[in-house]
């Protein structure tokens, strides 16, 4: 499958904008035009709940059937399932954890 290099460059720009927004801890909401920006490049775009394994697998299977260049937008929560990390910006980047924090997180994610 061949795709125009110009489209790839534009997609990288969209993703870099998204990365900057997330790094600056801006909330991306459903009104954000990320999907529309990617669709405007002629790239098939699918959205999925990123914490739902069944939905992820189903979406991956759909992309195989579609058979063209696809972009999957998986909506997730940073640190999902850990009271120490969930929705806490600092934990998305590397931070040393105490033994107690490690143990608590393991129990919560088990």
N, C-alpha and C. Protein backbone atom coordinates (compact mmCIF):
# COMPACT_ATOMS: atom_id res chain seq x y z
N UNK A 1 0.85 -1.16 0.00
CA UNK A 1 0.00 0.00 0.00
C UNK A 1 0.90 1.23 0.00
N UNK A 2 0.68 2.11 -0.95
CA UNK A 2 1.49 3.32 -1.04
C UNK A 2 0.63 4.53 -0.71
N UNK A 3 1.21 5.43 0.05
CA UNK A 3 0.50 6.65 0.43
C UNK A 3 1.40 7.85 0.16
N UNK A 4 0.81 8.92 -0.28
CA UNK A 4 1.53 10.14 -0.61
C UNK A 4 2.32 10.67 0.59
N UNK A 5 3.59 10.98 0.37
CA UNK A 5 4.44 11.50 1.45
C UNK A 5 3.92 12.82 2.01
N UNK A 6 3.26 13.60 1.17
CA UNK A 6 2.68 14.87 1.62
C UNK A 6 1.59 14.63 2.67
N UNK A 7 0.80 13.58 2.46
CA UNK A 7 -0.25 13.23 3.41
C UNK A 7 0.37 12.78 4.74
N UNK A 8 1.43 12.00 4.65
CA UNK A 8 2.11 11.55 5.87
C UNK A 8 2.65 12.74 6.65
N UNK A 9 3.25 13.72 5.95
CA UNK A 9 3.77 14.91 6.64
C UNK A 9 2.65 15.67 7.33
N UNK A 10 1.50 15.80 6.67
CA UNK A 10 0.36 16.50 7.26
C UNK A 10 -0.16 15.75 8.49
N UNK A 11 -0.22 14.42 8.40
CA UNK A 11 -0.66 13.61 9.53
C UNK A 11 0.30 13.79 10.71
N UNK A 12 1.57 13.82 10.44
CA UNK A 12 2.56 14.04 11.50
C UNK A 12 2.33 15.40 12.16
N UNK A 13 2.00 16.42 11.37
CA UNK A 13 1.72 17.75 11.93
C UNK A 13 0.50 17.69 12.86
N UNK A 14 -0.55 17.00 12.44
CA UNK A 14 -1.75 16.88 13.27
C UNK A 14 -1.41 16.18 14.59
N UNK A 15 -0.64 15.09 14.50
CA UNK A 15 -0.28 14.33 15.69
C UNK A 15 0.66 15.11 16.60
N UNK A 16 1.55 15.91 16.01
CA UNK A 16 2.43 16.75 16.83
C UNK A 16 1.63 17.82 17.57
N UNK A 17 0.62 18.39 16.92
CA UNK A 17 -0.27 19.35 17.59
C UNK A 17 -0.98 18.69 18.76
N UNK A 18 -1.45 17.46 18.53
CA UNK A 18 -2.13 16.72 19.59
C UNK A 18 -1.18 16.45 20.74
N UNK A 19 0.03 16.01 20.43
CA UNK A 19 1.02 15.71 21.47
C UNK A 19 1.32 16.96 22.29
N UNK A 20 1.48 18.10 21.64
CA UNK A 20 1.75 19.34 22.36
C UNK A 20 0.58 19.68 23.28
N UNK A 21 -0.64 19.54 22.78
CA UNK A 21 -1.82 19.83 23.59
C UNK A 21 -1.86 18.95 24.83
N UNK A 22 -1.57 17.67 24.64
CA UNK A 22 -1.61 16.75 25.78
C UNK A 22 -0.48 17.04 26.76
N UNK A 23 0.69 17.39 26.23
CA UNK A 23 1.82 17.69 27.11
C UNK A 23 1.53 18.94 27.94
N UNK A 24 0.84 19.90 27.35
CA UNK A 24 0.48 21.12 28.06
C UNK A 24 -0.71 20.90 28.98
N UNK A 25 -1.17 19.63 29.05
CA UNK A 25 -2.26 19.21 29.93
C UNK A 25 -3.61 19.83 29.56
N UNK A 26 -3.77 20.14 28.28
CA UNK A 26 -5.07 20.61 27.82
C UNK A 26 -6.00 19.40 27.73
N UNK A 27 -7.24 19.60 28.01
CA UNK A 27 -8.21 18.52 27.90
C UNK A 27 -8.70 18.46 26.46
N UNK A 28 -8.62 17.29 25.87
CA UNK A 28 -9.12 17.09 24.51
C UNK A 28 -10.56 16.61 24.66
N UNK A 29 -11.49 17.36 24.16
CA UNK A 29 -12.89 16.96 24.30
C UNK A 29 -13.48 16.56 22.95
N UNK A 30 -14.71 16.14 22.98
CA UNK A 30 -15.34 15.62 21.76
C UNK A 30 -15.53 16.69 20.69
N UNK A 31 -15.39 17.97 21.06
CA UNK A 31 -15.53 19.04 20.08
C UNK A 31 -14.22 19.30 19.33
N UNK A 32 -13.14 18.68 19.79
CA UNK A 32 -11.84 18.90 19.15
C UNK A 32 -11.87 18.26 17.76
N UNK A 33 -11.39 18.97 16.75
CA UNK A 33 -11.50 18.48 15.36
C UNK A 33 -10.40 17.51 14.92
N UNK A 34 -9.81 16.77 15.84
CA UNK A 34 -8.71 15.87 15.47
C UNK A 34 -9.16 14.88 14.39
N UNK A 35 -10.28 14.22 14.61
CA UNK A 35 -10.76 13.24 13.64
C UNK A 35 -11.01 13.90 12.28
N UNK A 36 -11.63 15.07 12.29
CA UNK A 36 -11.91 15.76 11.04
C UNK A 36 -10.62 16.16 10.31
N UNK A 37 -9.62 16.56 11.07
CA UNK A 37 -8.33 16.92 10.45
C UNK A 37 -7.72 15.72 9.74
N UNK A 38 -7.78 14.58 10.38
CA UNK A 38 -7.21 13.36 9.78
C UNK A 38 -8.05 12.91 8.59
N UNK A 39 -9.38 12.95 8.74
CA UNK A 39 -10.26 12.59 7.62
C UNK A 39 -10.02 13.49 6.41
N UNK A 40 -9.73 14.78 6.67
CA UNK A 40 -9.51 15.72 5.57
C UNK A 40 -8.28 15.38 4.74
N UNK A 41 -7.41 14.54 5.31
CA UNK A 41 -6.22 14.09 4.58
C UNK A 41 -6.52 12.86 3.73
N UNK A 42 -7.77 12.41 3.78
CA UNK A 42 -8.15 11.22 3.00
C UNK A 42 -7.81 9.93 3.72
N UNK A 43 -7.58 9.99 5.03
CA UNK A 43 -7.22 8.81 5.80
C UNK A 43 -8.45 8.32 6.56
N UNK A 44 -8.78 7.06 6.37
CA UNK A 44 -9.89 6.46 7.09
C UNK A 44 -9.58 6.53 8.58
N UNK A 45 -10.53 7.02 9.38
CA UNK A 45 -10.28 7.24 10.80
C UNK A 45 -11.36 6.57 11.63
N UNK A 46 -10.92 5.75 12.57
CA UNK A 46 -11.83 5.04 13.47
C UNK A 46 -11.56 5.46 14.90
N UNK A 47 -12.61 5.56 15.71
CA UNK A 47 -12.46 5.90 17.12
C UNK A 47 -12.83 4.68 17.96
N UNK A 48 -12.13 4.53 19.07
CA UNK A 48 -12.38 3.37 19.93
C UNK A 48 -12.09 3.75 21.38
N UNK A 49 -12.79 3.10 22.30
CA UNK A 49 -12.50 3.22 23.73
C UNK A 49 -11.21 2.42 23.97
N UNK A 50 -10.14 3.12 24.27
CA UNK A 50 -8.82 2.50 24.35
C UNK A 50 -8.60 1.57 25.52
N UNK A 51 -9.51 1.53 26.48
CA UNK A 51 -9.37 0.64 27.63
C UNK A 51 -10.22 -0.61 27.48
N UNK A 52 -10.93 -0.73 26.36
CA UNK A 52 -11.81 -1.87 26.14
C UNK A 52 -11.15 -2.80 25.12
N UNK A 53 -10.57 -3.90 25.61
CA UNK A 53 -9.82 -4.82 24.75
C UNK A 53 -10.68 -5.37 23.63
N UNK A 54 -11.93 -5.70 23.92
CA UNK A 54 -12.82 -6.23 22.88
C UNK A 54 -13.04 -5.23 21.76
N UNK A 55 -13.27 -3.97 22.13
CA UNK A 55 -13.46 -2.92 21.13
C UNK A 55 -12.18 -2.69 20.32
N UNK A 56 -11.04 -2.75 20.99
CA UNK A 56 -9.76 -2.57 20.27
C UNK A 56 -9.57 -3.68 19.24
N UNK A 57 -9.77 -4.91 19.66
CA UNK A 57 -9.60 -6.04 18.74
C UNK A 57 -10.57 -5.93 17.57
N UNK A 58 -11.82 -5.59 17.86
CA UNK A 58 -12.82 -5.42 16.80
C UNK A 58 -12.40 -4.33 15.81
N UNK A 59 -11.86 -3.24 16.34
CA UNK A 59 -11.42 -2.14 15.47
C UNK A 59 -10.24 -2.57 14.61
N UNK A 60 -9.29 -3.31 15.19
CA UNK A 60 -8.16 -3.82 14.40
C UNK A 60 -8.66 -4.72 13.27
N UNK A 61 -9.65 -5.56 13.58
CA UNK A 61 -10.22 -6.44 12.56
C UNK A 61 -10.89 -5.63 11.45
N UNK A 62 -11.60 -4.55 11.81
CA UNK A 62 -12.24 -3.68 10.82
C UNK A 62 -11.20 -3.10 9.86
N UNK A 63 -10.06 -2.67 10.42
CA UNK A 63 -9.04 -2.06 9.56
C UNK A 63 -8.50 -3.06 8.55
N UNK A 64 -8.41 -4.33 8.92
CA UNK A 64 -7.96 -5.36 7.98
C UNK A 64 -8.94 -5.48 6.82
N UNK A 65 -10.24 -5.43 7.14
CA UNK A 65 -11.27 -5.57 6.11
C UNK A 65 -11.34 -4.35 5.21
N UNK A 66 -11.09 -3.18 5.77
CA UNK A 66 -11.14 -1.94 4.99
C UNK A 66 -10.02 -1.94 3.95
N UNK A 67 -8.84 -2.41 4.36
CA UNK A 67 -7.74 -2.61 3.44
C UNK A 67 -7.07 -1.36 2.90
N UNK A 68 -7.23 -0.23 3.55
CA UNK A 68 -6.50 0.95 3.12
C UNK A 68 -5.86 1.59 4.35
N UNK A 69 -5.14 2.68 4.15
CA UNK A 69 -4.47 3.36 5.24
C UNK A 69 -5.49 3.83 6.26
N UNK A 70 -5.29 3.46 7.52
CA UNK A 70 -6.24 3.79 8.59
C UNK A 70 -5.53 4.49 9.75
N UNK A 71 -6.30 5.26 10.48
CA UNK A 71 -5.83 5.87 11.72
C UNK A 71 -6.84 5.49 12.80
N UNK A 72 -6.35 4.94 13.91
CA UNK A 72 -7.22 4.58 15.02
C UNK A 72 -6.97 5.58 16.14
N UNK A 73 -8.04 6.27 16.54
CA UNK A 73 -7.98 7.19 17.68
C UNK A 73 -8.51 6.45 18.89
N UNK A 74 -7.60 6.03 19.76
CA UNK A 74 -7.99 5.30 20.97
C UNK A 74 -8.10 6.29 22.12
N UNK A 75 -9.31 6.46 22.61
CA UNK A 75 -9.54 7.39 23.72
C UNK A 75 -9.22 6.68 25.03
N UNK A 76 -8.25 7.24 25.75
CA UNK A 76 -7.79 6.62 26.98
C UNK A 76 -7.66 7.65 28.10
N UNK A 77 -7.46 7.15 29.29
CA UNK A 77 -7.22 7.98 30.47
C UNK A 77 -5.82 7.64 30.97
N UNK A 78 -4.98 8.64 31.15
CA UNK A 78 -3.63 8.40 31.65
C UNK A 78 -3.69 7.72 33.01
N UNK A 79 -2.94 6.63 33.16
CA UNK A 79 -2.86 5.96 34.45
C UNK A 79 -4.12 5.24 34.88
N UNK A 80 -4.99 4.92 33.94
CA UNK A 80 -6.30 4.31 34.24
C UNK A 80 -6.17 3.14 35.21
N UNK A 81 -6.97 3.21 36.28
CA UNK A 81 -7.03 2.11 37.23
C UNK A 81 -6.14 2.26 38.44
N UNK A 82 -5.26 3.24 38.44
CA UNK A 82 -4.36 3.47 39.57
C UNK A 82 -4.73 4.78 40.26
N UNK A 83 -5.10 4.71 41.53
CA UNK A 83 -5.46 5.93 42.25
C UNK A 83 -4.28 6.89 42.37
N UNK A 84 -3.09 6.36 42.28
CA UNK A 84 -1.89 7.20 42.36
C UNK A 84 -1.64 7.94 41.05
N UNK A 85 -2.00 7.32 39.93
CA UNK A 85 -1.65 7.87 38.62
C UNK A 85 -2.81 8.41 37.79
N UNK A 86 -4.01 7.89 37.94
CA UNK A 86 -5.11 8.22 37.03
C UNK A 86 -5.40 9.72 36.98
N UNK A 87 -5.34 10.23 35.75
CA UNK A 87 -5.60 11.65 35.45
C UNK A 87 -4.66 12.61 36.17
N UNK A 88 -3.49 12.14 36.51
CA UNK A 88 -2.50 12.99 37.17
C UNK A 88 -1.33 13.19 36.21
N UNK A 89 -1.23 14.38 35.70
CA UNK A 89 -0.27 14.72 34.65
C UNK A 89 1.15 14.25 34.94
N UNK A 90 1.63 14.49 36.15
CA UNK A 90 3.02 14.16 36.46
C UNK A 90 3.35 12.69 36.30
N UNK A 91 2.37 11.82 36.48
CA UNK A 91 2.65 10.39 36.40
C UNK A 91 2.72 9.87 34.98
N UNK A 92 2.34 10.69 34.02
CA UNK A 92 2.46 10.26 32.63
C UNK A 92 3.93 10.27 32.21
N UNK A 93 4.71 11.06 32.86
CA UNK A 93 6.14 11.16 32.60
C UNK A 93 6.85 10.41 33.71
N UNK A 94 8.09 10.04 33.51
CA UNK A 94 8.78 9.18 34.47
C UNK A 94 8.93 9.84 35.83
N UNK A 95 8.52 9.12 36.85
CA UNK A 95 8.71 9.50 38.24
C UNK A 95 9.04 8.23 39.02
N UNK A 96 9.99 8.33 39.91
CA UNK A 96 10.32 7.18 40.74
C UNK A 96 9.17 6.93 41.71
N UNK A 97 8.82 5.67 41.90
CA UNK A 97 7.75 5.31 42.82
C UNK A 97 8.35 4.64 44.05
N UNK A 98 7.73 4.91 45.18
CA UNK A 98 8.17 4.24 46.40
C UNK A 98 7.69 2.78 46.34
N UNK A 99 8.26 1.95 47.20
CA UNK A 99 7.82 0.55 47.26
C UNK A 99 6.34 0.45 47.60
N UNK A 100 5.86 1.34 48.47
CA UNK A 100 4.44 1.33 48.86
C UNK A 100 3.55 1.69 47.66
N UNK A 101 3.97 2.67 46.88
CA UNK A 101 3.19 3.07 45.69
C UNK A 101 3.16 1.95 44.66
N UNK A 102 4.28 1.28 44.50
CA UNK A 102 4.34 0.16 43.54
C UNK A 102 3.38 -0.94 43.99
N UNK A 103 3.43 -1.29 45.25
CA UNK A 103 2.56 -2.35 45.78
C UNK A 103 1.08 -1.97 45.64
N UNK A 104 0.74 -0.75 45.99
CA UNK A 104 -0.65 -0.29 45.88
C UNK A 104 -1.13 -0.34 44.44
N UNK A 105 -0.30 0.13 43.52
CA UNK A 105 -0.66 0.13 42.10
C UNK A 105 -0.83 -1.28 41.57
N UNK A 106 0.06 -2.19 41.95
CA UNK A 106 -0.07 -3.59 41.52
C UNK A 106 -1.39 -4.18 41.99
N UNK A 107 -1.77 -3.90 43.23
CA UNK A 107 -3.03 -4.44 43.76
C UNK A 107 -4.23 -3.87 43.01
N UNK A 108 -4.18 -2.56 42.73
CA UNK A 108 -5.30 -1.91 42.04
C UNK A 108 -5.45 -2.40 40.59
N UNK A 109 -4.35 -2.74 39.97
CA UNK A 109 -4.39 -3.15 38.56
C UNK A 109 -4.52 -4.66 38.37
N UNK A 110 -4.47 -5.41 39.46
CA UNK A 110 -4.55 -6.88 39.38
C UNK A 110 -5.93 -7.33 38.97
